[in-house]
Amino acid sequence: MENKETKTIFITICGRPNVGKSTLLNALMGRKVSIVSPKAQTTRLRVTGVLTKDNCQYVFLDTPGLNKADSSLGQAMVQSVSDGIENADITLFVIQAGDKVLKTEKRILNMLKTNRMRAFLIVNKCDVVPKSEILETISLFSQLYDFEEVIPVSAVTGLGLDDLLSELERRAQESVFYFEPSYVSDMPDAYYVCEVLREKMLYNLGQEVPHTVAVVPESFQQDSKSIKCSMIIYCTRESHKGIIIGKGGEMLKKIATQARLELEKHFGKKVYLECFVKIKNDWQNSSSVLTQLGM
């Protein structure tokens, strides 16, 4: 678009695992573009969500929760956060009300300081914490960095999201739109299927198993009426394979059915989903698997 009155702003969302970054992105977008679960490290890939409202285009980058870089996967995730902060117009540093300044928060603050980044402090989950605790959290973090804005929000109820978008719009720069107004996300459909399948595993399996799992596309075909896809689920142990498949294949069937139903609603067409579970030791350090994951 060549309209000189249009504006664009690039925004990176960062924070430690489980503060609600993906939930915040989905709430701002008004639709699901990034998977969510109550478990840490749900997000592995950087997910871009593009929201176009009137003459302003917001380009959001949802980064993985910053954690230990103890594998090639972990290192790629940390690099993803660092790159996202470096290239943003504004960084949204998401914490939750009641948080303390721990090692992960210090690392993010150091990234912001190193790059002299413009940043907002976003205090999430303010709908479930007493006001005194929210104010205490804001006071604690505000002493550590010169945030342009401090905005209490609830990604679940929508509290503060209009204020956040208004402040972002104020800082948007006049430019052409980089994406068509109808564009929503840069995630290829095949990878979206992988992510939804992994989300259902996070909800249905125990604490350890989902974090040792990778889902990669083996084949993906779609036309105007249907999607036919085959997915490989890599895990690291025989015992985990048994848990994922379940007695008589019931757990895998449950996971695949939940994923298929959500995908059919998302794509508006019939989805045929096949899943195969394979053991691949130490896939987190396998360059071929990480390439298949799009990292």
C-alpha atoms as a PDB file:
ATOM      1  CA  MET A   1       0.000   0.000   0.000  1.00  0.00           C
ATOM      2  CA  GLU A   2       1.343   3.451  -0.909  1.00  0.00           C
ATOM      3  CA  ASN A   3      -0.818   5.485   1.425  1.00  0.00           C
ATOM      4  CA  LYS A   4       1.597   7.804   3.241  1.00  0.00           C
ATOM      5  CA  GLU A   5      -0.808   8.119   6.155  1.00  0.00           C
ATOM      6  CA  THR A   6      -0.345   4.493   7.181  1.00  0.00           C
ATOM      7  CA  LYS A   7       1.814   3.668  10.211  1.00  0.00           C
ATOM      8  CA  THR A   8       3.695   0.563  11.339  1.00  0.00           C
ATOM      9  CA  ILE A   9       5.328  -0.566  14.561  1.00  0.00           C
ATOM     10  CA  PHE A  10       7.359  -3.712  15.283  1.00  0.00           C
ATOM     11  CA  ILE A  11       6.903  -5.101  18.797  1.00  0.00           C
ATOM     12  CA  THR A  12       8.761  -7.939  20.516  1.00  0.00           C
ATOM     13  CA  ILE A  13       7.080  -9.726  23.427  1.00  0.00           C
ATOM     14  CA  CYS A  14       9.540 -11.260  25.895  1.00  0.00           C
ATOM     15  CA  GLY A  15       9.643 -12.585  29.437  1.00  0.00           C
ATOM     16  CA  ARG A  16      10.322 -15.704  31.448  1.00  0.00           C
ATOM     17  CA  PRO A  17       8.301 -18.874  30.783  1.00  0.00           C
ATOM     18  CA  ASN A  18       4.659 -18.941  31.858  1.00  0.00           C
ATOM     19  CA  VAL A  19       3.966 -15.220  32.322  1.00  0.00           C
ATOM     20  CA  GLY A  20       1.309 -15.275  29.590  1.00  0.00           C
ATOM     21  CA  LYS A  21       3.175 -13.927  26.554  1.00  0.00           C
ATOM     22  CA  SER A  22       1.350 -16.090  24.006  1.00  0.00           C
ATOM     23  CA  THR A  23      -1.994 -15.500  25.718  1.00  0.00           C
ATOM     24  CA  LEU A  24      -1.282 -11.761  25.509  1.00  0.00           C
ATOM     25  CA  LEU A  25      -0.449 -11.997  21.802  1.00  0.00           C
ATOM     26  CA  ASN A  26      -3.626 -13.958  21.079  1.00  0.00           C
ATOM     27  CA  ALA A  27      -5.707 -11.470  23.071  1.00  0.00           C
ATOM     28  CA  LEU A  28      -4.215  -8.490  21.223  1.00  0.00           C
ATOM     29  CA  MET A  29      -4.755 -10.231  17.881  1.00  0.00           C
ATOM     30  CA  GLY A  30      -8.326 -11.212  18.746  1.00  0.00           C
ATOM     31  CA  ARG A  31      -7.602 -14.755  17.556  1.00  0.00           C
ATOM     32  CA  LYS A  32      -5.241 -17.633  18.217  1.00  0.00           C
ATOM     33  CA  VAL A  33      -1.893 -17.399  16.461  1.00  0.00           C
ATOM     34  CA  SER A  34       0.341 -18.910  19.163  1.00  0.00           C
ATOM     35  CA  ILE A  35      -0.305 -22.052  21.209  1.00  0.00           C
ATOM     36  CA  VAL A  36      -0.765 -21.787  24.965  1.00  0.00           C
ATOM     37  CA  SER A  37      -0.683 -24.159  27.927  1.00  0.00           C
ATOM     38  CA  PRO A  38      -0.153 -23.934  31.690  1.00  0.00           C
ATOM     39  CA  LYS A  39       3.292 -25.492  31.294  1.00  0.00           C
ATOM     40  CA  ALA A  40       6.572 -23.652  30.897  1.00  0.00           C
ATOM     41  CA  GLN A  41       8.353 -23.412  27.541  1.00  0.00           C
ATOM     42  CA  THR A  42       5.215 -23.890  25.479  1.00  0.00           C
ATOM     43  CA  THR A  43       6.533 -21.478  22.835  1.00  0.00           C
ATOM     44  CA  ARG A  44       9.644 -22.688  20.996  1.00  0.00           C
ATOM     45  CA  LEU A  45       9.354 -20.896  17.677  1.00  0.00           C
ATOM     46  CA  ARG A  46       9.205 -17.159  17.205  1.00  0.00           C
ATOM     47  CA  VAL A  47       5.657 -16.413  16.137  1.00  0.00           C
ATOM     48  CA  THR A  48       4.756 -13.248  14.253  1.00  0.00           C
ATOM     49  CA  GLY A  49       1.242 -11.881  14.565  1.00  0.00           C
ATOM     50  CA  VAL A  50       0.165  -8.989  12.354  1.00  0.00           C
ATOM     51  CA  LEU A  51      -2.732  -6.810  13.484  1.00  0.00           C
ATOM     52  CA  THR A  52      -3.971  -4.082  11.145  1.00  0.00           C
ATOM     53  CA  LYS A  53      -6.438  -1.605  12.642  1.00  0.00           C
ATOM     54  CA  ASP A  54      -7.505   1.402  10.617  1.00  0.00           C
ATOM     55  CA  ASN A  55      -4.292   3.094   9.459  1.00  0.00           C
ATOM     56  CA  CYS A  56      -1.922   1.308  11.891  1.00  0.00           C
ATOM     57  CA  GLN A  57      -0.207  -2.055  11.464  1.00  0.00           C
ATOM     58  CA  TYR A  58       1.160  -3.727  14.594  1.00  0.00           C
ATOM     59  CA  VAL A  59       3.708  -6.478  13.933  1.00  0.00           C
ATOM     60  CA  PHE A  60       4.054  -8.576  17.092  1.00  0.00           C
ATOM     61  CA  LEU A  61       6.842 -11.081  17.674  1.00  0.00           C
ATOM     62  CA  ASP A  62       6.132 -13.666  20.383  1.00  0.00           C
ATOM     63  CA  THR A  63       9.441 -15.096  21.632  1.00  0.00           C
ATOM     64  CA  PRO A  64      10.125 -18.265  23.658  1.00  0.00           C
ATOM     65  CA  GLY A  65      10.338 -17.922  27.413  1.00  0.00           C
ATOM     66  CA  LEU A  66      13.966 -17.242  28.311  1.00  0.00           C
ATOM     67  CA  ASN A  67      15.497 -20.281  29.983  1.00  0.00           C
ATOM     68  CA  LYS A  68      18.748 -22.236  30.206  1.00  0.00           C
ATOM     69  CA  ALA A  69      20.656 -22.651  26.943  1.00  0.00           C
ATOM     70  CA  ASP A  70      21.688 -26.215  27.796  1.00  0.00           C
ATOM     71  CA  SER A  71      21.117 -27.690  24.302  1.00  0.00           C
ATOM     72  CA  SER A  72      21.141 -26.580  20.679  1.00  0.00           C
ATOM     73  CA  LEU A  73      17.381 -26.087  21.025  1.00  0.00           C
ATOM     74  CA  GLY A  74      17.875 -23.961  24.142  1.00  0.00           C
ATOM     75  CA  GLN A  75      20.582 -21.894  22.477  1.00  0.00           C
ATOM     76  CA  ALA A  76      18.348 -21.274  19.456  1.00  0.00           C
ATOM     77  CA  MET A  77      15.524 -20.141  21.750  1.00  0.00           C
ATOM     78  CA  VAL A  78      17.785 -17.727  23.653  1.00  0.00           C
ATOM     79  CA  GLN A  79      19.127 -16.344  20.368  1.00  0.00           C
ATOM     80  CA  SER A  80      15.541 -15.885  19.217  1.00  0.00           C
ATOM     81  CA  VAL A  81      14.823 -13.665  22.229  1.00  0.00           C
ATOM     82  CA  SER A  82      18.016 -11.654  21.762  1.00  0.00           C
ATOM     83  CA  ASP A  83      17.388 -11.106  18.043  1.00  0.00           C
ATOM     84  CA  GLY A  84      13.786 -10.125  18.716  1.00  0.00           C
ATOM     85  CA  ILE A  85      14.791  -7.467  21.241  1.00  0.00           C
ATOM     86  CA  GLU A  86      17.501  -6.102  18.935  1.00  0.00           C
ATOM     87  CA  ASN A  87      15.162  -5.650  15.988  1.00  0.00           C
ATOM     88  CA  ALA A  88      12.047  -4.262  17.676  1.00  0.00           C
ATOM     89  CA  ASP A  89      10.770  -0.704  17.777  1.00  0.00           C
ATOM     90  CA  ILE A  90       9.349  -1.459  21.216  1.00  0.00           C
ATOM     91  CA  THR A  91       9.917  -4.434  23.529  1.00  0.00           C
ATOM     92  CA  LEU A  92       7.087  -5.554  25.797  1.00  0.00           C
ATOM     93  CA  PHE A  93       8.765  -7.018  28.877  1.00  0.00           C
ATOM     94  CA  VAL A  94       6.005  -9.170  30.327  1.00  0.00           C
ATOM     95  CA  ILE A  95       6.022 -10.070  34.007  1.00  0.00           C
ATOM     96  CA  GLN A  96       3.170 -11.090  36.236  1.00  0.00           C
ATOM     97  CA  ALA A  97       1.920  -9.292  39.294  1.00  0.00           C
ATOM     98  CA  GLY A  98       3.796 -10.543  42.348  1.00  0.00           C
ATOM     99  CA  ASP A  99       6.999 -11.428  40.460  1.00  0.00           C
ATOM    100  CA  LYS A 100      10.436 -10.923  41.950  1.00  0.00           C
ATOM    101  CA  VAL A 101      13.594 -10.004  40.027  1.00  0.00           C
ATOM    102  CA  LEU A 102      15.197 -13.406  39.502  1.00  0.00           C
ATOM    103  CA  LYS A 103      17.998 -14.581  37.199  1.00  0.00           C
ATOM    104  CA  THR A 104      15.828 -14.720  34.067  1.00  0.00           C
ATOM    105  CA  GLU A 105      14.439 -11.235  34.606  1.00  0.00           C
ATOM    106  CA  LYS A 106      17.966  -9.890  35.106  1.00  0.00           C
ATOM    107  CA  ARG A 107      19.080 -11.463  31.810  1.00  0.00           C
ATOM    108  CA  ILE A 108      16.243  -9.780  29.940  1.00  0.00           C
ATOM    109  CA  LEU A 109      16.954  -6.448  31.611  1.00  0.00           C
ATOM    110  CA  ASN A 110      20.608  -6.806  30.571  1.00  0.00           C
ATOM    111  CA  MET A 111      19.535  -7.457  26.966  1.00  0.00           C
ATOM    112  CA  LEU A 112      17.425  -4.299  27.057  1.00  0.00           C
ATOM    113  CA  LYS A 113      20.288  -2.267  28.540  1.00  0.00           C
ATOM    114  CA  THR A 114      22.860  -3.637  26.080  1.00  0.00           C
ATOM    115  CA  ASN A 115      20.706  -2.646  23.116  1.00  0.00           C
ATOM    116  CA  ARG A 116      19.387   0.548  24.781  1.00  0.00           C
ATOM    117  CA  MET A 117      15.924  -0.606  23.814  1.00  0.00           C
ATOM    118  CA  ARG A 118      12.700   1.285  24.176  1.00  0.00           C
ATOM    119  CA  ALA A 119      10.509  -0.909  26.343  1.00  0.00           C
ATOM    120  CA  PHE A 120       7.178  -1.141  28.111  1.00  0.00           C
ATOM    121  CA  LEU A 121       6.771  -3.039  31.368  1.00  0.00           C
ATOM    122  CA  ILE A 122       3.635  -5.159  31.013  1.00  0.00           C
ATOM    123  CA  VAL A 123       2.350  -6.472  34.348  1.00  0.00           C
ATOM    124  CA  ASN A 124       0.078  -9.393  33.490  1.00  0.00           C
ATOM    125  CA  LYS A 125      -2.517 -11.313  35.528  1.00  0.00           C
ATOM    126  CA  CYS A 126      -3.614  -8.169  37.378  1.00  0.00           C
ATOM    127  CA  ASP A 127      -7.134  -9.593  37.613  1.00  0.00           C
ATOM    128  CA  VAL A 128      -6.079 -12.179  40.224  1.00  0.00           C
ATOM    129  CA  VAL A 129      -3.665 -10.240  42.455  1.00  0.00           C
ATOM    130  CA  PRO A 130      -4.388  -7.560  45.111  1.00  0.00           C
ATOM    131  CA  LYS A 131      -3.708  -3.976  44.027  1.00  0.00           C
ATOM    132  CA  SER A 132      -1.055  -3.537  46.733  1.00  0.00           C
ATOM    133  CA  GLU A 133       0.943  -6.433  45.283  1.00  0.00           C
ATOM    134  CA  ILE A 134       0.625  -5.010  41.757  1.00  0.00           C
ATOM    135  CA  LEU A 135       1.967  -1.637  42.936  1.00  0.00           C
ATOM    136  CA  GLU A 136       4.822  -3.347  44.785  1.00  0.00           C
ATOM    137  CA  THR A 137       5.801  -5.252  41.619  1.00  0.00           C
ATOM    138  CA  ILE A 138       5.683  -2.091  39.502  1.00  0.00           C
ATOM    139  CA  SER A 139       7.826  -0.208  42.022  1.00  0.00           C
ATOM    140  CA  LEU A 140      10.400  -3.018  42.119  1.00  0.00           C
ATOM    141  CA  PHE A 141      10.878  -3.339  38.355  1.00  0.00           C
ATOM    142  CA  SER A 142      10.590   0.381  37.582  1.00  0.00           C
ATOM    143  CA  GLN A 143      13.757   1.025  39.586  1.00  0.00           C
ATOM    144  CA  LEU A 144      15.746  -1.279  37.298  1.00  0.00           C
ATOM    145  CA  TYR A 145      15.039   0.183  33.860  1.00  0.00           C
ATOM    146  CA  ASP A 146      13.703   3.351  32.312  1.00  0.00           C
ATOM    147  CA  PHE A 147      10.485   1.908  30.873  1.00  0.00           C
ATOM    148  CA  GLU A 148       8.562   4.267  28.597  1.00  0.00           C
ATOM    149  CA  GLU A 149       5.266   2.925  29.912  1.00  0.00           C
ATOM    150  CA  VAL A 150       4.134   0.632  32.717  1.00  0.00           C
ATOM    151  CA  ILE A 151       0.805  -0.989  31.905  1.00  0.00           C
ATOM    152  CA  PRO A 152      -1.085  -3.408  34.175  1.00  0.00           C
ATOM    153  CA  VAL A 153      -3.064  -5.890  32.072  1.00  0.00           C
ATOM    154  CA  SER A 154      -4.947  -9.143  32.103  1.00  0.00           C
ATOM    155  CA  ALA A 155      -4.540 -11.137  28.902  1.00  0.00           C
ATOM    156  CA  VAL A 156      -7.481 -13.276  30.020  1.00  0.00           C
ATOM    157  CA  THR A 157     -10.062 -10.555  30.764  1.00  0.00           C
ATOM    158  CA  GLY A 158      -8.724  -7.900  28.367  1.00  0.00           C
ATOM    159  CA  LEU A 159      -7.935  -5.416  31.134  1.00  0.00           C
ATOM    160  CA  GLY A 160      -5.518  -2.744  29.887  1.00  0.00           C
ATOM    161  CA  LEU A 161      -5.196  -4.069  26.322  1.00  0.00           C
ATOM    162  CA  ASP A 162      -6.856  -1.035  24.719  1.00  0.00           C
ATOM    163  CA  ASP A 163      -4.467   1.231  26.642  1.00  0.00           C
ATOM    164  CA  LEU A 164      -1.538  -0.863  25.451  1.00  0.00           C
ATOM    165  CA  LEU A 165      -2.570  -0.662  21.795  1.00  0.00           C
ATOM    166  CA  SER A 166      -3.131   3.102  22.115  1.00  0.00           C
ATOM    167  CA  GLU A 167       0.371   3.645  23.514  1.00  0.00           C
ATOM    168  CA  LEU A 168       1.875   1.489  20.771  1.00  0.00           C
ATOM    169  CA  GLU A 169      -0.042   3.385  18.087  1.00  0.00           C
ATOM    170  CA  ARG A 170       1.323   6.669  19.424  1.00  0.00           C
ATOM    171  CA  ARG A 171       4.844   5.384  18.739  1.00  0.00           C
ATOM    172  CA  ALA A 172       4.158   3.880  15.314  1.00  0.00           C
ATOM    173  CA  GLN A 173       6.117   5.465  12.481  1.00  0.00           C
ATOM    174  CA  GLU A 174       4.619   6.661   9.212  1.00  0.00           C
ATOM    175  CA  SER A 175       5.327   4.007   6.586  1.00  0.00           C
ATOM    176  CA  VAL A 176       3.755   1.715   4.064  1.00  0.00           C
ATOM    177  CA  PHE A 177       2.191  -1.455   5.448  1.00  0.00           C
ATOM    178  CA  TYR A 178       4.698  -4.295   5.283  1.00  0.00           C
ATOM    179  CA  PHE A 179       1.887  -6.874   5.145  1.00  0.00           C
ATOM    180  CA  GLU A 180      -1.495  -6.957   3.464  1.00  0.00           C
ATOM    181  CA  PRO A 181      -4.228  -5.835   5.925  1.00  0.00           C
ATOM    182  CA  SER A 182      -5.747  -9.346   5.873  1.00  0.00           C
ATOM    183  CA  TYR A 183      -2.426 -10.990   6.826  1.00  0.00           C
ATOM    184  CA  VAL A 184      -2.386 -12.544  10.313  1.00  0.00           C
ATOM    185  CA  SER A 185       0.710 -14.697  10.893  1.00  0.00           C
ATOM    186  CA  ASP A 186       3.909 -15.861   9.229  1.00  0.00           C
ATOM    187  CA  MET A 187       3.616 -19.425  10.519  1.00  0.00           C
ATOM    188  CA  PRO A 188       3.221 -21.923   7.643  1.00  0.00           C
ATOM    189  CA  ASP A 189       0.105 -24.076   7.882  1.00  0.00           C
ATOM    190  CA  ALA A 190       2.134 -27.276   8.298  1.00  0.00           C
ATOM    191  CA  TYR A 191       3.933 -25.838  11.327  1.00  0.00           C
ATOM    192  CA  TYR A 192       0.677 -24.567  12.787  1.00  0.00           C
ATOM    193  CA  VAL A 193      -0.609 -28.156  12.673  1.00  0.00           C
ATOM    194  CA  CYS A 194       2.570 -29.293  14.477  1.00  0.00           C
ATOM    195  CA  GLU A 195       2.160 -26.630  17.152  1.00  0.00           C
ATOM    196  CA  VAL A 196      -1.517 -27.403  17.818  1.00  0.00           C
ATOM    197  CA  LEU A 197      -0.693 -31.105  18.097  1.00  0.00           C
ATOM    198  CA  ARG A 198       2.090 -30.285  20.567  1.00  0.00           C
ATOM    199  CA  GLU A 199      -0.276 -28.049  22.537  1.00  0.00           C
ATOM    200  CA  LYS A 200      -2.694 -30.963  23.012  1.00  0.00           C
ATOM    201  CA  MET A 201       0.205 -33.079  24.241  1.00  0.00           C
ATOM    202  CA  LEU A 202       1.092 -30.394  26.769  1.00  0.00           C
ATOM    203  CA  TYR A 203      -2.460 -30.503  28.120  1.00  0.00           C
ATOM    204  CA  ASN A 204      -2.869 -34.271  28.157  1.00  0.00           C
ATOM    205  CA  LEU A 205       0.514 -35.594  29.266  1.00  0.00           C
ATOM    206  CA  GLY A 206       2.532 -35.254  32.485  1.00  0.00           C
ATOM    207  CA  GLN A 207       5.095 -32.614  33.286  1.00  0.00           C
ATOM    208  CA  GLU A 208       8.202 -34.228  31.799  1.00  0.00           C
ATOM    209  CA  VAL A 209       7.070 -35.941  28.604  1.00  0.00           C
ATOM    210  CA  PRO A 210       5.907 -32.945  26.483  1.00  0.00           C
ATOM    211  CA  HIS A 211       9.224 -31.141  26.948  1.00  0.00           C
ATOM    212  CA  THR A 212      11.131 -34.080  25.464  1.00  0.00           C
ATOM    213  CA  VAL A 213       8.888 -34.101  22.383  1.00  0.00           C
ATOM    214  CA  ALA A 214       9.270 -32.557  18.936  1.00  0.00           C
ATOM    215  CA  VAL A 215       6.571 -32.568  16.265  1.00  0.00           C
ATOM    216  CA  VAL A 216       7.649 -32.238  12.634  1.00  0.00           C
ATOM    217  CA  PRO A 217       5.695 -32.503   9.378  1.00  0.00           C
ATOM    218  CA  GLU A 218       6.359 -35.587   7.256  1.00  0.00           C
ATOM    219  CA  SER A 219       3.842 -34.642   4.558  1.00  0.00           C
ATOM    220  CA  PHE A 220       1.288 -31.863   4.101  1.00  0.00           C
ATOM    221  CA  GLN A 221      -1.226 -31.367   1.311  1.00  0.00           C
ATOM    222  CA  GLN A 222      -4.228 -29.110   1.145  1.00  0.00           C
ATOM    223  CA  ASP A 223      -6.819 -27.925  -1.327  1.00  0.00           C
ATOM    224  CA  SER A 224      -9.982 -25.866  -1.040  1.00  0.00           C
ATOM    225  CA  LYS A 225     -11.868 -28.655   0.755  1.00  0.00           C
ATOM    226  CA  SER A 226      -9.406 -30.524   2.942  1.00  0.00           C
ATOM    227  CA  ILE A 227      -5.971 -30.894   4.516  1.00  0.00           C
ATOM    228  CA  LYS A 228      -4.165 -34.218   4.563  1.00  0.00           C
ATOM    229  CA  CYS A 229      -1.098 -34.327   6.755  1.00  0.00           C
ATOM    230  CA  SER A 230       1.244 -36.775   8.402  1.00  0.00           C
ATOM    231  CA  MET A 231       3.168 -35.753  11.512  1.00  0.00           C
ATOM    232  CA  ILE A 232       6.132 -37.381  13.244  1.00  0.00           C
ATOM    233  CA  ILE A 233       6.336 -37.073  17.030  1.00  0.00           C
ATOM    234  CA  TYR A 234       9.921 -37.515  18.229  1.00  0.00           C
ATOM    235  CA  CYS A 235      10.577 -38.451  21.843  1.00  0.00           C
ATOM    236  CA  THR A 236      13.762 -39.500  23.619  1.00  0.00           C
ATOM    237  CA  ARG A 237      12.763 -42.640  25.530  1.00  0.00           C
ATOM    238  CA  GLU A 238      10.867 -45.868  24.972  1.00  0.00           C
ATOM    239  CA  SER A 239       8.894 -45.203  28.159  1.00  0.00           C
ATOM    240  CA  HIS A 240       7.808 -41.800  26.818  1.00  0.00           C
ATOM    241  CA  LYS A 241       6.724 -43.380  23.555  1.00  0.00           C
ATOM    242  CA  GLY A 242       4.498 -45.732  25.518  1.00  0.00           C
ATOM    243  CA  ILE A 243       2.966 -42.834  27.486  1.00  0.00           C
ATOM    244  CA  ILE A 244       2.274 -40.813  24.325  1.00  0.00           C
ATOM    245  CA  ILE A 245       0.636 -43.751  22.551  1.00  0.00           C
ATOM    246  CA  GLY A 246      -1.205 -44.988  25.644  1.00  0.00           C
ATOM    247  CA  LYS A 247      -2.944 -48.288  26.244  1.00  0.00           C
ATOM    248  CA  GLY A 248      -4.307 -49.575  22.963  1.00  0.00           C
ATOM    249  CA  GLY A 249      -3.323 -46.268  21.319  1.00  0.00           C
ATOM    250  CA  GLU A 250      -5.996 -44.365  23.260  1.00  0.00           C
ATOM    251  CA  MET A 251      -3.848 -41.400  24.373  1.00  0.00           C
ATOM    252  CA  LEU A 252      -2.472 -40.685  20.904  1.00  0.00           C
ATOM    253  CA  LYS A 253      -5.957 -41.010  19.473  1.00  0.00           C
ATOM    254  CA  LYS A 254      -7.288 -38.528  22.068  1.00  0.00           C
ATOM    255  CA  ILE A 255      -4.504 -36.017  21.355  1.00  0.00           C
ATOM    256  CA  ALA A 256      -4.899 -36.302  17.586  1.00  0.00           C
ATOM    257  CA  THR A 257      -8.696 -35.973  17.778  1.00  0.00           C
ATOM    258  CA  GLN A 258      -8.497 -32.823  19.918  1.00  0.00           C
ATOM    259  CA  ALA A 259      -5.953 -31.342  17.507  1.00  0.00           C
ATOM    260  CA  ARG A 260      -7.984 -32.290  14.429  1.00  0.00           C
ATOM    261  CA  LEU A 261     -11.183 -30.719  15.772  1.00  0.00           C
ATOM    262  CA  GLU A 262      -9.420 -27.439  16.572  1.00  0.00           C
ATOM    263  CA  LEU A 263      -7.640 -27.429  13.211  1.00  0.00           C
ATOM    264  CA  GLU A 264     -10.880 -27.997  11.303  1.00  0.00           C
ATOM    265  CA  LYS A 265     -12.373 -24.992  13.081  1.00  0.00           C
ATOM    266  CA  HIS A 266      -9.253 -22.908  12.398  1.00  0.00           C
ATOM    267  CA  PHE A 267      -8.916 -23.761   8.703  1.00  0.00           C
ATOM    268  CA  GLY A 268     -12.637 -24.131   7.970  1.00  0.00           C
ATOM    269  CA  LYS A 269     -12.118 -27.409   6.140  1.00  0.00           C
ATOM    270  CA  LYS A 270     -11.820 -31.144   6.759  1.00  0.00           C
ATOM    271  CA  VAL A 271      -8.519 -32.256   8.284  1.00  0.00           C
ATOM    272  CA  TYR A 272      -7.074 -35.761   7.948  1.00  0.00           C
ATOM    273  CA  LEU A 273      -4.298 -36.132  10.499  1.00  0.00           C
ATOM    274  CA  GLU A 274      -1.917 -39.075  10.877  1.00  0.00           C
ATOM    275  CA  CYS A 275       0.565 -39.248  13.744  1.00  0.00           C
ATOM    276  CA  PHE A 276       3.600 -41.490  14.151  1.00  0.00           C
ATOM    277  CA  VAL A 277       5.708 -41.673  17.323  1.00  0.00           C
ATOM    278  CA  LYS A 278       9.443 -42.321  16.921  1.00  0.00           C
ATOM    279  CA  ILE A 279      12.373 -42.389  19.316  1.00  0.00           C
ATOM    280  CA  LYS A 280      15.289 -40.085  18.523  1.00  0.00           C
ATOM    281  CA  ASN A 281      17.805 -39.747  21.320  1.00  0.00           C
ATOM    282  CA  ASP A 282      18.979 -36.220  22.070  1.00  0.00           C
ATOM    283  CA  TRP A 283      16.920 -34.655  19.261  1.00  0.00           C
ATOM    284  CA  GLN A 284      17.343 -31.299  21.036  1.00  0.00           C
ATOM    285  CA  ASN A 285      20.933 -31.284  19.720  1.00  0.00           C
ATOM    286  CA  SER A 286      20.133 -32.671  16.266  1.00  0.00           C
ATOM    287  CA  SER A 287      20.650 -30.099  13.527  1.00  0.00           C
ATOM    288  CA  SER A 288      18.386 -32.033  11.166  1.00  0.00           C
ATOM    289  CA  VAL A 289      15.461 -32.058  13.629  1.00  0.00           C
ATOM    290  CA  LEU A 290      15.965 -28.384  14.522  1.00  0.00           C
ATOM    291  CA  THR A 291      15.932 -27.579  10.802  1.00  0.00           C
ATOM    292  CA  GLN A 292      12.682 -29.538  10.446  1.00  0.00           C
ATOM    293  CA  LEU A 293      11.332 -27.495  13.357  1.00  0.00           C
ATOM    294  CA  GLY A 294      12.133 -24.309  11.445  1.00  0.00           C
ATOM    295  CA  MET A 295      14.858 -23.159  13.842  1.00  0.00           C
END
